[in-house]
Amino acid sequence: MLNIDRRILAHFDFITIILLIPLIFTSGWLIYEIHPMLGQKQMVYVSVGIGVFVTLFLLPIRRMLWMIPIMYWTGILLLLAVEFVGHSRLGAKRWIEIPFVHFTLQPSELIKPAFVLMLAYLISRNPPPRGGYGLKDFAKLSFYILLPFFLIAKEPDLGTATVLALLGFGVLFIVGVRWKIWVGLGIAFIVSLPLIYTQLHDYQKQRLHDFVGEKPSYQVEQSIIAVGSGGFFGKDKEDATQAQMKFLPIASSDFIFAYVVERFGFFGAFLLILLYAALIVHLLLIAAWGQDYYIKVVAGGLSLFFFIYMSVNIAMTIGFAPVVGVPLPMFSYGGSSFVNFMVMFAILENLLAYRFRYLYTDTGKKSFV
């Protein structure tokens, strides 16, 4: 008979799992409605993600924290390799093709868990003093944030790069940085906006022009039609013509929120956003209450990931933000994003569930029991 330590169950965060289940179930259902073959593939990704979650949860992660810098720098090397041996698609070089098996890796996705863990690793070894980090410590941590940002932006993948930068500096805001640094950073960013614009690629400038122009792009226009046609309670599958008749582009991934509103109306969209909000607030509370900086950073990073991805995706769908390739988290079709989130949730649950084994000795040093 399987003997499970009750302390593991007592520390396990069941609330997060309860909030994730309806997201995953509803996502699979809608993707299958849009495209049955993609729905079947999504179920494979979900199965893989669950397998990864269980495997990582059972590992002694606390004993493996020394591997975090290796993971981070391996991710950086893979991002560098994209420049030299990367595989191009649609004008972007973001993938590395593995010889003989015709399988590709996207290092910008693989580095996300390592990026969050590296921040946790650095912050746990040099916690912020009272009043927050000073300029020297902030600059050191910023190096680890900006290095992958520039490598990913060069691919070009400005959407993913910006998400990582917002996540990294958001984590620093949560753990504490002196307010004068944030003021200086904000002023520097505003002053440098014209220079940043000149460095954008033509298609990125076009997306900004479409956003500020009087008429939205075709994708956004069709998305707004889908959102408006949903009404308060939505339509039956057969009547959801924007998706079923293929007017709505990439309805199963980037614009899946538009299909949610077309099918379930304002009420369904409100419930989905409320579910995301509950998950984000719950993760922020874990980060706020946690004394362990690994838990604080991973929980805070996950909450920021969900908030940024959800906000940008929904705003893009209704024409309030430029079109970027940012999926609706744990909802849009795709394997790499889903598995990445499952990796981070598994690490968080492991850190939470086994924290009773992580003690402090009288000398203040950490030890395992």
Protein backbone atom coordinates (compact mmCIF):
# COMPACT_ATOMS: atom_id res chain seq x y z
CA MET A 1 0.00 0.00 0.00
CA LEU A 2 1.31 3.45 -0.94
CA ASN A 3 2.44 5.31 2.15
CA ILE A 4 2.39 9.10 1.69
CA ASP A 5 3.79 11.39 4.35
CA ARG A 6 0.83 13.40 5.60
CA ARG A 7 3.04 16.45 5.97
CA ILE A 8 3.44 16.53 2.18
CA LEU A 9 -0.33 16.63 1.71
CA ALA A 10 -0.64 19.25 4.44
CA HIS A 11 1.79 21.57 2.68
CA PHE A 12 0.65 20.82 -0.89
CA ASP A 13 -1.12 23.76 -2.56
CA PHE A 14 -4.41 22.21 -3.73
CA ILE A 15 -5.96 25.61 -4.49
CA THR A 16 -3.66 26.19 -7.45
CA ILE A 17 -4.52 22.77 -8.92
CA ILE A 18 -8.26 23.40 -8.44
CA LEU A 19 -7.95 26.71 -10.31
CA LEU A 20 -5.92 25.17 -13.15
CA ILE A 21 -8.24 22.23 -13.89
CA PRO A 22 -11.12 24.28 -15.43
CA LEU A 23 -8.61 26.24 -17.55
CA ILE A 24 -7.11 23.05 -18.99
CA PHE A 25 -10.47 21.31 -19.48
CA THR A 26 -12.16 24.29 -21.18
CA SER A 27 -9.12 24.91 -23.37
CA GLY A 28 -9.06 21.34 -24.66
CA TRP A 29 -12.80 21.42 -25.33
CA LEU A 30 -12.68 24.66 -27.35
CA ILE A 31 -9.54 23.72 -29.31
CA TYR A 32 -11.21 20.44 -30.28
CA GLU A 33 -14.29 22.38 -31.46
CA ILE A 34 -12.14 24.61 -33.66
CA HIS A 35 -9.92 21.86 -35.04
CA PRO A 36 -10.36 18.23 -33.85
CA MET A 37 -6.82 17.22 -34.84
CA LEU A 38 -5.31 20.11 -32.88
CA GLY A 39 -7.56 19.17 -29.97
CA GLN A 40 -6.12 15.66 -29.98
CA LYS A 41 -2.58 17.03 -30.10
CA GLN A 42 -3.38 19.36 -27.21
CA MET A 43 -4.47 16.37 -25.14
CA VAL A 44 -1.08 14.79 -25.86
CA TYR A 45 0.61 17.98 -24.66
CA VAL A 46 -1.55 17.94 -21.52
CA SER A 47 -0.57 14.31 -20.87
CA VAL A 48 3.10 15.15 -21.32
CA GLY A 49 2.71 18.18 -19.05
CA ILE A 50 1.08 16.09 -16.31
CA GLY A 51 3.85 13.50 -16.62
CA VAL A 52 6.49 16.22 -16.31
CA PHE A 53 4.65 17.71 -13.32
CA VAL A 54 4.54 14.38 -11.44
CA THR A 55 8.18 13.59 -12.25
CA LEU A 56 9.50 16.95 -11.09
CA PHE A 57 7.30 16.96 -8.00
CA LEU A 58 8.83 13.67 -6.86
CA LEU A 59 12.43 14.82 -7.35
CA PRO A 60 14.50 16.17 -4.42
CA ILE A 61 14.65 19.64 -5.95
CA ARG A 62 16.06 21.25 -2.80
CA ARG A 63 19.14 19.07 -3.18
CA MET A 64 19.51 20.01 -6.85
CA LEU A 65 19.52 23.80 -6.54
CA TRP A 66 23.25 23.90 -7.36
CA MET A 67 22.27 22.96 -10.94
CA ILE A 68 20.36 26.20 -11.53
CA PRO A 69 23.33 28.24 -12.89
CA ILE A 70 24.15 25.32 -15.23
CA MET A 71 20.57 25.37 -16.54
CA TYR A 72 20.61 29.14 -17.01
CA TRP A 73 23.93 29.29 -18.85
CA THR A 74 22.97 26.28 -20.98
CA GLY A 75 19.89 28.26 -22.02
CA ILE A 76 22.07 31.27 -22.85
CA LEU A 77 24.38 29.09 -24.97
CA LEU A 78 21.35 27.73 -26.85
CA LEU A 79 20.15 31.29 -27.50
CA LEU A 80 23.61 32.12 -28.84
CA ALA A 81 23.54 28.98 -31.00
CA VAL A 82 20.34 30.23 -32.65
CA GLU A 83 22.37 33.05 -34.21
CA PHE A 84 24.75 30.61 -35.91
CA VAL A 85 22.81 27.39 -36.56
CA GLY A 86 19.24 28.55 -36.06
CA HIS A 87 16.36 27.49 -38.29
CA SER A 88 14.35 30.34 -39.86
CA ARG A 89 10.57 30.46 -40.26
CA LEU A 90 8.57 33.38 -41.58
CA GLY A 91 11.59 35.67 -41.38
CA ALA A 92 12.45 34.85 -37.75
CA LYS A 93 15.35 32.70 -36.58
CA ARG A 94 14.13 31.21 -33.29
CA TRP A 95 14.58 27.46 -33.58
CA ILE A 96 17.40 24.92 -33.52
CA GLU A 97 16.87 21.83 -35.62
CA ILE A 98 18.08 18.55 -34.12
CA PRO A 99 19.86 16.48 -36.79
CA PHE A 100 18.37 13.20 -38.08
CA VAL A 101 15.09 13.41 -36.10
CA HIS A 102 13.65 16.54 -37.81
CA PHE A 103 12.69 17.98 -34.43
CA THR A 104 13.19 21.62 -33.47
CA LEU A 105 13.85 23.32 -30.15
CA GLN A 106 12.91 26.89 -29.30
CA PRO A 107 15.49 28.09 -26.73
CA SER A 108 13.46 31.22 -25.91
CA GLU A 109 10.80 28.90 -24.45
CA LEU A 110 13.24 26.51 -22.78
CA ILE A 111 15.00 29.28 -20.86
CA LYS A 112 11.88 30.56 -19.08
CA PRO A 113 11.95 28.16 -16.08
CA ALA A 114 15.73 28.51 -15.80
CA PHE A 115 15.35 32.31 -15.92
CA VAL A 116 12.95 32.36 -12.96
CA LEU A 117 15.03 29.85 -10.99
CA MET A 118 18.23 31.82 -11.64
CA LEU A 119 16.65 34.92 -10.12
CA ALA A 120 15.55 32.84 -7.13
CA TYR A 121 19.06 31.40 -6.82
CA LEU A 122 20.72 34.83 -6.86
CA ILE A 123 18.20 36.52 -4.55
CA SER A 124 18.27 33.67 -2.00
CA ARG A 125 22.06 33.98 -1.75
CA ASN A 126 21.96 37.74 -1.43
CA PRO A 127 18.58 38.73 0.08
CA PRO A 128 17.58 42.40 -0.14
CA PRO A 129 18.43 44.52 2.90
CA ARG A 130 15.83 46.60 4.67
CA GLY A 131 14.79 49.29 2.24
CA GLY A 132 15.50 47.13 -0.80
CA TYR A 133 18.43 46.49 -3.12
CA GLY A 134 20.82 49.34 -3.88
CA LEU A 135 22.18 50.26 -7.30
CA LYS A 136 25.09 47.78 -7.26
CA ASP A 137 22.96 44.72 -6.46
CA PHE A 138 20.22 45.92 -8.81
CA ALA A 139 22.73 46.24 -11.66
CA LYS A 140 24.06 42.73 -11.01
CA LEU A 141 20.58 41.19 -11.10
CA SER A 142 19.65 43.30 -14.13
CA PHE A 143 22.53 41.72 -16.07
CA TYR A 144 20.91 38.27 -15.72
CA ILE A 145 17.58 39.76 -16.86
CA LEU A 146 18.84 41.79 -19.82
CA LEU A 147 21.21 39.16 -21.25
CA PRO A 148 18.42 36.80 -22.45
CA PHE A 149 16.28 39.85 -23.31
CA PHE A 150 18.75 41.10 -25.93
CA LEU A 151 19.48 37.62 -27.30
CA ILE A 152 15.77 36.85 -27.78
CA ALA A 153 14.94 40.33 -29.13
CA LYS A 154 17.63 39.84 -31.77
CA GLU A 155 15.93 36.69 -33.19
CA PRO A 156 13.61 38.75 -33.51
CA ASP A 157 11.04 37.86 -30.84
CA LEU A 158 10.34 41.12 -29.09
CA GLY A 159 7.15 39.78 -27.47
CA THR A 160 8.89 36.99 -25.55
CA ALA A 161 11.88 39.22 -24.76
CA THR A 162 9.64 41.93 -23.33
CA VAL A 163 7.71 39.40 -21.25
CA LEU A 164 10.96 38.13 -19.71
CA ALA A 165 12.14 41.68 -18.95
CA LEU A 166 8.82 42.63 -17.33
CA LEU A 167 8.86 39.39 -15.37
CA GLY A 168 12.43 39.87 -14.16
CA PHE A 169 12.01 43.47 -13.03
CA GLY A 170 8.57 42.60 -11.63
CA VAL A 171 10.19 39.96 -9.41
CA LEU A 172 12.72 42.54 -8.21
CA PHE A 173 9.82 44.89 -7.40
CA ILE A 174 8.19 42.15 -5.33
CA VAL A 175 11.34 41.31 -3.31
CA GLY A 176 12.32 44.96 -2.87
CA VAL A 177 14.38 47.63 -4.67
CA ARG A 178 14.90 51.23 -3.53
CA TRP A 179 12.26 53.51 -5.02
CA LYS A 180 14.81 55.99 -6.43
CA ILE A 181 16.08 53.26 -8.77
CA TRP A 182 12.59 52.69 -10.18
CA VAL A 183 12.12 56.43 -10.77
CA GLY A 184 15.45 56.64 -12.58
CA LEU A 185 14.67 53.54 -14.63
CA GLY A 186 11.27 54.94 -15.65
CA ILE A 187 12.75 58.28 -16.75
CA ALA A 188 15.52 56.53 -18.71
CA PHE A 189 12.97 54.32 -20.48
CA ILE A 190 10.76 57.27 -21.49
CA VAL A 191 13.73 59.28 -22.78
CA SER A 192 15.03 56.32 -24.82
CA LEU A 193 11.69 55.53 -26.54
CA PRO A 194 12.62 57.28 -29.82
CA LEU A 195 15.88 55.33 -29.98
CA ILE A 196 14.05 52.07 -29.22
CA TYR A 197 11.62 52.77 -32.06
CA THR A 198 14.44 53.20 -34.58
CA GLN A 199 15.78 49.75 -33.65
CA LEU A 200 12.50 47.95 -34.39
CA HIS A 201 12.07 45.77 -37.47
CA ASP A 202 9.73 46.94 -40.22
CA TYR A 203 6.99 44.43 -39.32
CA GLN A 204 7.16 45.53 -35.67
CA LYS A 205 6.77 49.17 -36.71
CA GLN A 206 3.83 48.15 -38.93
CA ARG A 207 2.11 46.50 -35.97
CA LEU A 208 2.47 49.72 -33.98
CA HIS A 209 1.10 51.71 -36.92
CA ASP A 210 -1.86 49.32 -37.19
CA PHE A 211 -2.46 49.72 -33.47
CA VAL A 212 -2.51 53.53 -33.46
CA GLY A 213 -4.19 53.81 -36.87
CA GLU A 214 -7.87 54.46 -37.39
CA LYS A 215 -8.52 51.02 -38.85
CA PRO A 216 -7.24 47.86 -37.09
CA SER A 217 -5.44 45.08 -38.93
CA TYR A 218 -7.45 42.26 -40.51
CA GLN A 219 -6.73 39.87 -37.64
CA VAL A 220 -7.83 42.33 -34.98
CA GLU A 221 -10.88 43.39 -37.00
CA GLN A 222 -12.11 39.80 -37.28
CA SER A 223 -11.38 39.24 -33.61
CA ILE A 224 -13.44 42.29 -32.60
CA ILE A 225 -16.32 41.03 -34.78
CA ALA A 226 -16.16 37.66 -32.98
CA VAL A 227 -16.14 39.37 -29.57
CA GLY A 228 -19.05 41.65 -30.48
CA SER A 229 -21.15 38.86 -31.96
CA GLY A 230 -21.04 36.80 -28.76
CA GLY A 231 -23.50 39.00 -26.90
CA PHE A 232 -24.06 38.32 -23.21
CA PHE A 233 -24.32 34.50 -23.19
CA GLY A 234 -22.68 33.56 -26.51
CA LYS A 235 -23.71 31.25 -29.35
CA ASP A 236 -23.93 27.56 -30.11
CA LYS A 237 -20.96 26.02 -31.85
CA GLU A 238 -22.72 25.95 -35.23
CA ASP A 239 -23.61 29.66 -34.98
CA ALA A 240 -20.09 30.77 -34.06
CA THR A 241 -19.36 31.64 -37.67
CA GLN A 242 -16.18 33.67 -37.13
CA ALA A 243 -14.27 30.59 -36.00
CA GLN A 244 -16.22 27.84 -37.79
CA MET A 245 -16.00 29.61 -41.18
CA LYS A 246 -12.30 30.47 -40.63
CA PHE A 247 -12.74 34.25 -40.62
CA LEU A 248 -11.02 34.46 -37.22
CA PRO A 249 -7.27 33.85 -37.75
CA ILE A 250 -5.35 31.40 -35.53
CA ALA A 251 -8.50 30.97 -33.43
CA SER A 252 -7.02 28.08 -31.45
CA SER A 253 -3.92 29.94 -30.26
CA ASP A 254 -3.29 33.71 -30.27
CA PHE A 255 -6.97 34.68 -30.73
CA ILE A 256 -8.63 31.94 -28.71
CA PHE A 257 -10.07 34.52 -26.29
CA ALA A 258 -12.16 35.91 -29.16
CA TYR A 259 -13.61 32.42 -29.67
CA VAL A 260 -14.34 32.15 -25.94
CA VAL A 261 -16.41 35.35 -26.15
CA GLU A 262 -18.11 34.25 -29.37
CA ARG A 263 -19.12 30.93 -27.77
CA PHE A 264 -19.90 32.03 -24.20
CA GLY A 265 -20.42 35.77 -24.49
CA PHE A 266 -19.55 38.46 -21.99
CA PHE A 267 -20.57 36.19 -19.12
CA GLY A 268 -18.15 33.42 -20.14
CA ALA A 269 -15.32 35.91 -20.71
CA PHE A 270 -15.96 37.42 -17.27
CA LEU A 271 -15.77 33.99 -15.62
CA LEU A 272 -12.52 33.18 -17.44
CA ILE A 273 -10.91 36.48 -16.39
CA LEU A 274 -12.18 35.95 -12.84
CA LEU A 275 -10.54 32.51 -12.80
CA TYR A 276 -7.24 34.00 -13.96
CA ALA A 277 -7.53 36.78 -11.39
CA ALA A 278 -8.10 34.27 -8.58
CA LEU A 279 -5.02 32.28 -9.63
CA ILE A 280 -2.85 35.41 -9.93
CA VAL A 281 -3.92 36.75 -6.53
CA HIS A 282 -3.42 33.34 -4.91
CA LEU A 283 0.14 33.09 -6.28
CA LEU A 284 0.89 36.66 -5.18
CA LEU A 285 -0.27 35.82 -1.66
CA ILE A 286 2.07 32.81 -1.60
CA ALA A 287 4.90 35.12 -2.70
CA ALA A 288 3.97 37.76 -0.12
CA TRP A 289 3.70 35.35 2.81
CA GLY A 290 6.65 33.13 1.92
CA GLN A 291 9.85 33.55 3.94
CA ASP A 292 11.80 31.31 1.56
CA TYR A 293 13.06 33.34 -1.39
CA TYR A 294 12.83 30.35 -3.72
CA ILE A 295 9.10 30.09 -3.01
CA LYS A 296 8.70 33.87 -3.09
CA VAL A 297 10.39 34.26 -6.48
CA VAL A 298 8.85 31.22 -8.20
CA ALA A 299 5.33 32.06 -6.97
CA GLY A 300 5.77 35.74 -7.80
CA GLY A 301 7.24 34.88 -11.20
CA LEU A 302 4.34 32.59 -12.05
CA SER A 303 1.79 35.22 -11.03
CA LEU A 304 3.54 37.81 -13.21
CA PHE A 305 3.76 35.37 -16.12
CA PHE A 306 0.01 34.78 -15.94
CA PHE A 307 -0.82 38.46 -15.51
CA ILE A 308 1.40 39.65 -18.38
CA TYR A 309 0.39 36.90 -20.80
CA MET A 310 -3.31 37.19 -20.00
CA SER A 311 -3.39 41.00 -20.10
CA VAL A 312 -1.44 41.33 -23.35
CA ASN A 313 -3.34 38.53 -25.10
CA ILE A 314 -6.78 39.83 -24.17
CA ALA A 315 -5.84 43.46 -24.92
CA MET A 316 -4.45 42.37 -28.31
CA THR A 317 -7.66 40.45 -29.05
CA ILE A 318 -9.91 43.46 -28.52
CA GLY A 319 -7.57 45.99 -30.20
CA PHE A 320 -6.14 47.60 -27.06
CA ALA A 321 -2.56 46.39 -27.71
CA PRO A 322 -0.39 45.66 -30.76
CA VAL A 323 -0.53 42.11 -32.13
CA VAL A 324 2.28 40.03 -30.63
CA GLY A 325 2.73 36.28 -30.37
CA VAL A 326 1.73 35.99 -26.72
CA PRO A 327 -0.58 33.05 -25.91
CA LEU A 328 -3.36 32.95 -23.35
CA PRO A 329 -1.59 31.02 -20.55
CA MET A 330 -2.55 27.35 -20.12
CA PHE A 331 -5.34 27.96 -22.64
CA SER A 332 -4.00 28.62 -26.14
CA TYR A 333 -3.01 25.68 -28.31
CA GLY A 334 0.66 24.74 -28.03
CA GLY A 335 2.92 22.30 -26.27
CA SER A 336 6.04 24.26 -25.32
CA SER A 337 4.21 27.01 -23.42
CA PHE A 338 1.93 24.53 -21.62
CA VAL A 339 4.77 22.22 -20.57
CA ASN A 340 6.84 25.21 -19.41
CA PHE A 341 4.06 26.32 -17.10
CA MET A 342 3.68 22.77 -15.78
CA VAL A 343 7.42 22.68 -15.06
CA MET A 344 7.20 25.88 -13.01
CA PHE A 345 4.06 24.76 -11.17
CA ALA A 346 5.73 21.43 -10.35
CA ILE A 347 8.78 23.24 -8.94
CA LEU A 348 6.57 25.54 -6.85
CA GLU A 349 4.49 22.65 -5.50
CA ASN A 350 7.67 20.72 -4.69
CA LEU A 351 9.16 23.69 -2.82
CA LEU A 352 5.91 24.14 -0.89
CA ALA A 353 5.09 20.50 -0.14
CA TYR A 354 8.57 19.49 1.05
CA ARG A 355 9.48 22.68 2.89
CA PHE A 356 9.00 20.96 6.27
CA ARG A 357 12.21 19.06 5.49
CA TYR A 358 14.14 22.28 4.97
CA LEU A 359 15.27 23.57 8.33
CA TYR A 360 17.55 26.25 9.71
CA THR A 361 20.23 25.27 12.17
CA ASP A 362 21.25 27.36 15.19
CA THR A 363 24.03 28.90 13.11
CA GLY A 364 21.51 30.13 10.54
CA LYS A 365 22.71 27.75 7.83
CA LYS A 366 20.22 25.74 5.82
CA SER A 367 20.13 21.98 6.20
CA PHE A 368 18.09 19.03 4.98
CA VAL A 369 16.44 16.38 7.14
